[in-house]
Amino acid sequence: MDQFDKIFKRYFVRLCSYSHSIIGSEGVAEDMVQEAFIVLSQNKEVLQKPEIFIKSFLYTSVRNICLNHVRRRNLSYRFNHETINDGLDHADYLNDLIKAEIFGELHKELSRLPKQCKRICELIYLEEKSYEEVADEMDLSINTIKTQRQRALKYLKSKFTASLYFLFFIKILYLIYNHL
């Protein structure tokens, strides 16, 4: 199975659910997700990136395709805050933006890890393999896998603590501002 098929199989249903939460129609939601996968298939460069980057790319693409669909659908109506968003909550949109930012930052920080440590994290968290599977694949002991994983988490935690507080603060300000 090639990379594209693997990604399609892993994320299609999740992306359809996400798209449905924006669009409100199951059939149209699937069309939006298929369109995002077409964009991905045409972008060979993205397919060479780590899976976390591809996942972020897909979620962002689906969101943008859905928003464009909603806007096109509502072009014939007079601008109305509720119809243009058609089921979209600004807080949800902000959550999506924050998630995309976090995925981008996570990808950047993962690329800074030592090669072995990075690979261990990819296998455990992205490919959802057990310690035993990773140890067998990399020809390392389970203790080494656990130690490298802990080092990676410690590093990522140190890098994300300040930025996560900042993003949380921005979200709180946004919510306060929109409820006044």
C-alpha atoms as a PDB file:
ATOM      1  CA  MET A   1       0.000   0.000   0.000  1.00  0.00           C
ATOM      2  CA  ASP A   2       1.499   3.365  -0.986  1.00  0.00           C
ATOM      3  CA  GLN A   3       1.620   6.479   1.218  1.00  0.00           C
ATOM      4  CA  PHE A   4      -1.473   8.073  -0.345  1.00  0.00           C
ATOM      5  CA  ASP A   5      -3.635   4.959   0.137  1.00  0.00           C
ATOM      6  CA  LYS A   6      -2.460   4.638   3.732  1.00  0.00           C
ATOM      7  CA  ILE A   7      -3.322   8.287   4.466  1.00  0.00           C
ATOM      8  CA  PHE A   8      -6.684   7.990   2.688  1.00  0.00           C
ATOM      9  CA  LYS A   9      -7.633   4.888   4.659  1.00  0.00           C
ATOM     10  CA  ARG A  10      -6.573   6.411   7.979  1.00  0.00           C
ATOM     11  CA  TYR A  11      -8.205   9.843   7.639  1.00  0.00           C
ATOM     12  CA  PHE A  12     -11.160   9.645   5.225  1.00  0.00           C
ATOM     13  CA  VAL A  13     -13.822   8.818   7.826  1.00  0.00           C
ATOM     14  CA  ARG A  14     -12.450  11.322  10.360  1.00  0.00           C
ATOM     15  CA  LEU A  15     -12.325  14.061   7.744  1.00  0.00           C
ATOM     16  CA  CYS A  16     -15.879  13.261   6.611  1.00  0.00           C
ATOM     17  CA  SER A  17     -17.069  13.675  10.183  1.00  0.00           C
ATOM     18  CA  TYR A  18     -15.192  16.974  10.470  1.00  0.00           C
ATOM     19  CA  SER A  19     -16.566  18.178   7.128  1.00  0.00           C
ATOM     20  CA  HIS A  20     -20.098  17.127   8.108  1.00  0.00           C
ATOM     21  CA  SER A  21     -19.841  19.261  11.263  1.00  0.00           C
ATOM     22  CA  ILE A  22     -19.198  22.273   9.014  1.00  0.00           C
ATOM     23  CA  ILE A  23     -21.473  21.530   6.048  1.00  0.00           C
ATOM     24  CA  GLY A  24     -24.333  19.666   7.720  1.00  0.00           C
ATOM     25  CA  SER A  25     -24.876  17.308   4.794  1.00  0.00           C
ATOM     26  CA  GLU A  26     -23.261  13.882   4.720  1.00  0.00           C
ATOM     27  CA  GLY A  27     -23.101  13.571   0.934  1.00  0.00           C
ATOM     28  CA  VAL A  28     -21.699  17.056   0.403  1.00  0.00           C
ATOM     29  CA  ALA A  29     -19.256  16.507   3.274  1.00  0.00           C
ATOM     30  CA  GLU A  30     -17.844  13.428   1.523  1.00  0.00           C
ATOM     31  CA  ASP A  31     -17.490  15.431  -1.704  1.00  0.00           C
ATOM     32  CA  MET A  32     -15.507  18.088   0.171  1.00  0.00           C
ATOM     33  CA  VAL A  33     -13.169  15.456   1.632  1.00  0.00           C
ATOM     34  CA  GLN A  34     -12.682  13.839  -1.776  1.00  0.00           C
ATOM     35  CA  GLU A  35     -11.756  17.239  -3.164  1.00  0.00           C
ATOM     36  CA  ALA A  36      -9.148  17.651  -0.408  1.00  0.00           C
ATOM     37  CA  PHE A  37      -7.667  14.250  -1.264  1.00  0.00           C
ATOM     38  CA  ILE A  38      -7.513  15.248  -4.942  1.00  0.00           C
ATOM     39  CA  VAL A  39      -5.546  18.344  -3.935  1.00  0.00           C
ATOM     40  CA  LEU A  40      -3.253  16.149  -1.826  1.00  0.00           C
ATOM     41  CA  SER A  41      -2.729  13.635  -4.645  1.00  0.00           C
ATOM     42  CA  GLN A  42      -1.700  16.461  -6.971  1.00  0.00           C
ATOM     43  CA  ASN A  43       0.760  17.813  -4.422  1.00  0.00           C
ATOM     44  CA  LYS A  44       3.499  15.162  -4.404  1.00  0.00           C
ATOM     45  CA  GLU A  45       5.736  17.387  -2.277  1.00  0.00           C
ATOM     46  CA  VAL A  46       3.301  17.273   0.650  1.00  0.00           C
ATOM     47  CA  LEU A  47       3.097  13.476   0.412  1.00  0.00           C
ATOM     48  CA  GLN A  48       6.836  13.323   1.124  1.00  0.00           C
ATOM     49  CA  LYS A  49       6.403  15.153   4.442  1.00  0.00           C
ATOM     50  CA  PRO A  50       5.845  13.440   7.819  1.00  0.00           C
ATOM     51  CA  GLU A  51       2.321  12.228   8.467  1.00  0.00           C
ATOM     52  CA  ILE A  52       1.596  14.897  11.074  1.00  0.00           C
ATOM     53  CA  PHE A  53       2.183  17.558   8.410  1.00  0.00           C
ATOM     54  CA  ILE A  54      -0.057  15.717   5.935  1.00  0.00           C
ATOM     55  CA  LYS A  55      -2.787  15.429   8.577  1.00  0.00           C
ATOM     56  CA  SER A  56      -2.626  19.156   9.267  1.00  0.00           C
ATOM     57  CA  PHE A  57      -2.658  19.854   5.513  1.00  0.00           C
ATOM     58  CA  LEU A  58      -5.772  17.707   5.066  1.00  0.00           C
ATOM     59  CA  TYR A  59      -7.719  19.232   7.963  1.00  0.00           C
ATOM     60  CA  THR A  60      -6.847  22.736   6.789  1.00  0.00           C
ATOM     61  CA  SER A  61      -7.778  21.873   3.189  1.00  0.00           C
ATOM     62  CA  VAL A  62     -11.113  20.355   4.212  1.00  0.00           C
ATOM     63  CA  ARG A  63     -11.944  23.376   6.368  1.00  0.00           C
ATOM     64  CA  ASN A  64     -11.093  25.801   3.555  1.00  0.00           C
ATOM     65  CA  ILE A  65     -12.981  23.798   0.920  1.00  0.00           C
ATOM     66  CA  CYS A  66     -16.035  23.624   3.206  1.00  0.00           C
ATOM     67  CA  LEU A  67     -15.905  27.343   3.989  1.00  0.00           C
ATOM     68  CA  ASN A  68     -15.629  28.150   0.282  1.00  0.00           C
ATOM     69  CA  HIS A  69     -18.616  25.887  -0.389  1.00  0.00           C
ATOM     70  CA  VAL A  70     -20.663  27.615   2.319  1.00  0.00           C
ATOM     71  CA  ARG A  71     -19.727  31.031   0.933  1.00  0.00           C
ATOM     72  CA  ARG A  72     -20.623  30.029  -2.647  1.00  0.00           C
ATOM     73  CA  ARG A  73     -23.904  28.540  -1.455  1.00  0.00           C
ATOM     74  CA  ASN A  74     -24.761  31.760   0.347  1.00  0.00           C
ATOM     75  CA  LEU A  75     -23.735  34.174  -2.413  1.00  0.00           C
ATOM     76  CA  SER A  76     -27.330  34.544  -3.533  1.00  0.00           C
ATOM     77  CA  TYR A  77     -28.374  35.665  -0.059  1.00  0.00           C
ATOM     78  CA  ARG A  78     -27.829  39.033   1.467  1.00  0.00           C
ATOM     79  CA  PHE A  79     -24.821  38.966   3.816  1.00  0.00           C
ATOM     80  CA  ASN A  80     -25.982  37.632   7.134  1.00  0.00           C
ATOM     81  CA  HIS A  81     -23.657  36.607   9.940  1.00  0.00           C
ATOM     82  CA  GLU A  82     -25.671  33.479  10.695  1.00  0.00           C
ATOM     83  CA  THR A  83     -26.111  32.214   7.127  1.00  0.00           C
ATOM     84  CA  ILE A  84     -22.531  32.761   6.059  1.00  0.00           C
ATOM     85  CA  ASN A  85     -21.380  30.601   8.951  1.00  0.00           C
ATOM     86  CA  ASP A  86     -24.230  28.070   8.588  1.00  0.00           C
ATOM     87  CA  GLY A  87     -23.463  25.942  11.580  1.00  0.00           C
ATOM     88  CA  LEU A  88     -19.947  27.213  12.135  1.00  0.00           C
ATOM     89  CA  ASP A  89     -19.194  28.458  15.590  1.00  0.00           C
ATOM     90  CA  HIS A  90     -16.459  31.080  15.854  1.00  0.00           C
ATOM     91  CA  ALA A  91     -15.042  29.293  18.877  1.00  0.00           C
ATOM     92  CA  ASP A  92     -14.839  26.073  16.827  1.00  0.00           C
ATOM     93  CA  TYR A  93     -13.131  27.958  14.026  1.00  0.00           C
ATOM     94  CA  LEU A  94     -10.646  29.380  16.513  1.00  0.00           C
ATOM     95  CA  ASN A  95     -10.068  25.878  17.896  1.00  0.00           C
ATOM     96  CA  ASP A  96      -9.324  24.668  14.366  1.00  0.00           C
ATOM     97  CA  LEU A  97      -6.863  27.493  13.828  1.00  0.00           C
ATOM     98  CA  ILE A  98      -5.167  26.763  17.132  1.00  0.00           C
ATOM     99  CA  LYS A  99      -4.940  23.064  16.275  1.00  0.00           C
ATOM    100  CA  ALA A 100      -3.414  23.885  12.901  1.00  0.00           C
ATOM    101  CA  GLU A 101      -0.886  26.154  14.614  1.00  0.00           C
ATOM    102  CA  ILE A 102      -0.038  23.496  17.172  1.00  0.00           C
ATOM    103  CA  PHE A 103       0.400  20.855  14.447  1.00  0.00           C
ATOM    104  CA  GLY A 104       2.675  23.230  12.564  1.00  0.00           C
ATOM    105  CA  GLU A 105       4.753  23.949  15.652  1.00  0.00           C
ATOM    106  CA  LEU A 106       4.811  20.274  16.597  1.00  0.00           C
ATOM    107  CA  HIS A 107       6.078  19.361  13.136  1.00  0.00           C
ATOM    108  CA  LYS A 108       8.784  22.018  13.404  1.00  0.00           C
ATOM    109  CA  GLU A 109       9.917  20.856  16.849  1.00  0.00           C
ATOM    110  CA  LEU A 110       9.797  17.165  15.899  1.00  0.00           C
ATOM    111  CA  SER A 111      12.152  17.906  13.024  1.00  0.00           C
ATOM    112  CA  ARG A 112      14.655  19.280  15.552  1.00  0.00           C
ATOM    113  CA  LEU A 113      14.808  16.043  17.531  1.00  0.00           C
ATOM    114  CA  PRO A 114      17.696  13.637  16.955  1.00  0.00           C
ATOM    115  CA  LYS A 115      16.879  11.281  14.075  1.00  0.00           C
ATOM    116  CA  GLN A 116      16.388   8.160  16.228  1.00  0.00           C
ATOM    117  CA  CYS A 117      14.281   9.979  18.813  1.00  0.00           C
ATOM    118  CA  LYS A 118      12.125  11.527  16.078  1.00  0.00           C
ATOM    119  CA  ARG A 119      11.606   8.156  14.389  1.00  0.00           C
ATOM    120  CA  ILE A 120      10.567   6.553  17.682  1.00  0.00           C
ATOM    121  CA  CYS A 121       7.945   9.288  18.228  1.00  0.00           C
ATOM    122  CA  GLU A 122       6.625   8.882  14.691  1.00  0.00           C
ATOM    123  CA  LEU A 123       6.263   5.133  15.120  1.00  0.00           C
ATOM    124  CA  ILE A 124       4.594   5.357  18.538  1.00  0.00           C
ATOM    125  CA  TYR A 125       2.307   8.341  18.014  1.00  0.00           C
ATOM    126  CA  LEU A 126       1.680   8.586  14.287  1.00  0.00           C
ATOM    127  CA  GLU A 127       1.753   4.946  13.308  1.00  0.00           C
ATOM    128  CA  GLU A 128       0.380   3.879  16.715  1.00  0.00           C
ATOM    129  CA  LYS A 129       2.842   1.044  17.175  1.00  0.00           C
ATOM    130  CA  SER A 130       3.552  -0.572  20.526  1.00  0.00           C
ATOM    131  CA  TYR A 131       6.919  -0.320  22.280  1.00  0.00           C
ATOM    132  CA  GLU A 132       7.585  -3.923  21.302  1.00  0.00           C
ATOM    133  CA  GLU A 133       6.855  -3.281  17.622  1.00  0.00           C
ATOM    134  CA  VAL A 134       9.080  -0.207  17.594  1.00  0.00           C
ATOM    135  CA  ALA A 135      11.873  -2.057  19.407  1.00  0.00           C
ATOM    136  CA  ASP A 136      11.711  -4.899  16.876  1.00  0.00           C
ATOM    137  CA  GLU A 137      11.602  -2.569  13.890  1.00  0.00           C
ATOM    138  CA  MET A 138      14.502  -0.426  15.085  1.00  0.00           C
ATOM    139  CA  ASP A 139      16.470  -3.286  16.640  1.00  0.00           C
ATOM    140  CA  LEU A 140      16.597  -1.541  20.029  1.00  0.00           C
ATOM    141  CA  SER A 141      15.607  -2.534  23.539  1.00  0.00           C
ATOM    142  CA  ILE A 142      12.195  -1.593  24.900  1.00  0.00           C
ATOM    143  CA  ASN A 143      13.917   0.440  27.633  1.00  0.00           C
ATOM    144  CA  THR A 144      15.761   2.460  24.981  1.00  0.00           C
ATOM    145  CA  ILE A 145      12.460   3.114  23.212  1.00  0.00           C
ATOM    146  CA  LYS A 146      10.838   4.282  26.457  1.00  0.00           C
ATOM    147  CA  THR A 147      13.824   6.464  27.371  1.00  0.00           C
ATOM    148  CA  GLN A 148      13.950   8.111  23.934  1.00  0.00           C
ATOM    149  CA  ARG A 149      10.195   8.698  24.037  1.00  0.00           C
ATOM    150  CA  GLN A 150      10.479  10.348  27.453  1.00  0.00           C
ATOM    151  CA  ARG A 151      13.315  12.585  26.236  1.00  0.00           C
ATOM    152  CA  ALA A 152      11.246  13.645  23.245  1.00  0.00           C
ATOM    153  CA  LEU A 153       8.200  14.405  25.404  1.00  0.00           C
ATOM    154  CA  LYS A 154      10.315  16.384  27.859  1.00  0.00           C
ATOM    155  CA  TYR A 155      11.806  18.402  25.004  1.00  0.00           C
ATOM    156  CA  LEU A 156       8.414  19.042  23.396  1.00  0.00           C
ATOM    157  CA  LYS A 157       6.866  19.996  26.729  1.00  0.00           C
ATOM    158  CA  SER A 158       9.626  22.553  27.319  1.00  0.00           C
ATOM    159  CA  LYS A 159       9.039  24.046  23.872  1.00  0.00           C
ATOM    160  CA  PHE A 160       5.247  24.097  24.055  1.00  0.00           C
ATOM    161  CA  THR A 161       4.561  25.266  27.587  1.00  0.00           C
ATOM    162  CA  ALA A 162       4.895  28.972  26.811  1.00  0.00           C
ATOM    163  CA  SER A 163       3.241  28.816  23.392  1.00  0.00           C
ATOM    164  CA  LEU A 164       0.285  26.793  24.677  1.00  0.00           C
ATOM    165  CA  TYR A 165      -0.322  29.310  27.449  1.00  0.00           C
ATOM    166  CA  PHE A 166      -0.162  32.072  24.847  1.00  0.00           C
ATOM    167  CA  LEU A 167      -2.685  30.306  22.576  1.00  0.00           C
ATOM    168  CA  PHE A 168      -4.964  29.644  25.545  1.00  0.00           C
ATOM    169  CA  PHE A 169      -4.727  33.330  26.522  1.00  0.00           C
ATOM    170  CA  ILE A 170      -5.608  34.401  22.953  1.00  0.00           C
ATOM    171  CA  LYS A 171      -8.618  32.080  22.962  1.00  0.00           C
ATOM    172  CA  ILE A 172      -9.848  33.466  26.308  1.00  0.00           C
ATOM    173  CA  LEU A 173      -9.485  37.042  25.034  1.00  0.00           C
ATOM    174  CA  TYR A 174     -11.349  36.113  21.868  1.00  0.00           C
ATOM    175  CA  LEU A 175     -14.201  34.530  23.823  1.00  0.00           C
ATOM    176  CA  ILE A 176     -14.434  37.491  26.209  1.00  0.00           C
ATOM    177  CA  TYR A 177     -14.400  39.976  23.334  1.00  0.00           C
ATOM    178  CA  ASN A 178     -17.157  38.150  21.451  1.00  0.00           C
ATOM    179  CA  HIS A 179     -19.418  37.856  24.489  1.00  0.00           C
ATOM    180  CA  LEU A 180     -19.399  41.553  25.402  1.00  0.00           C
END
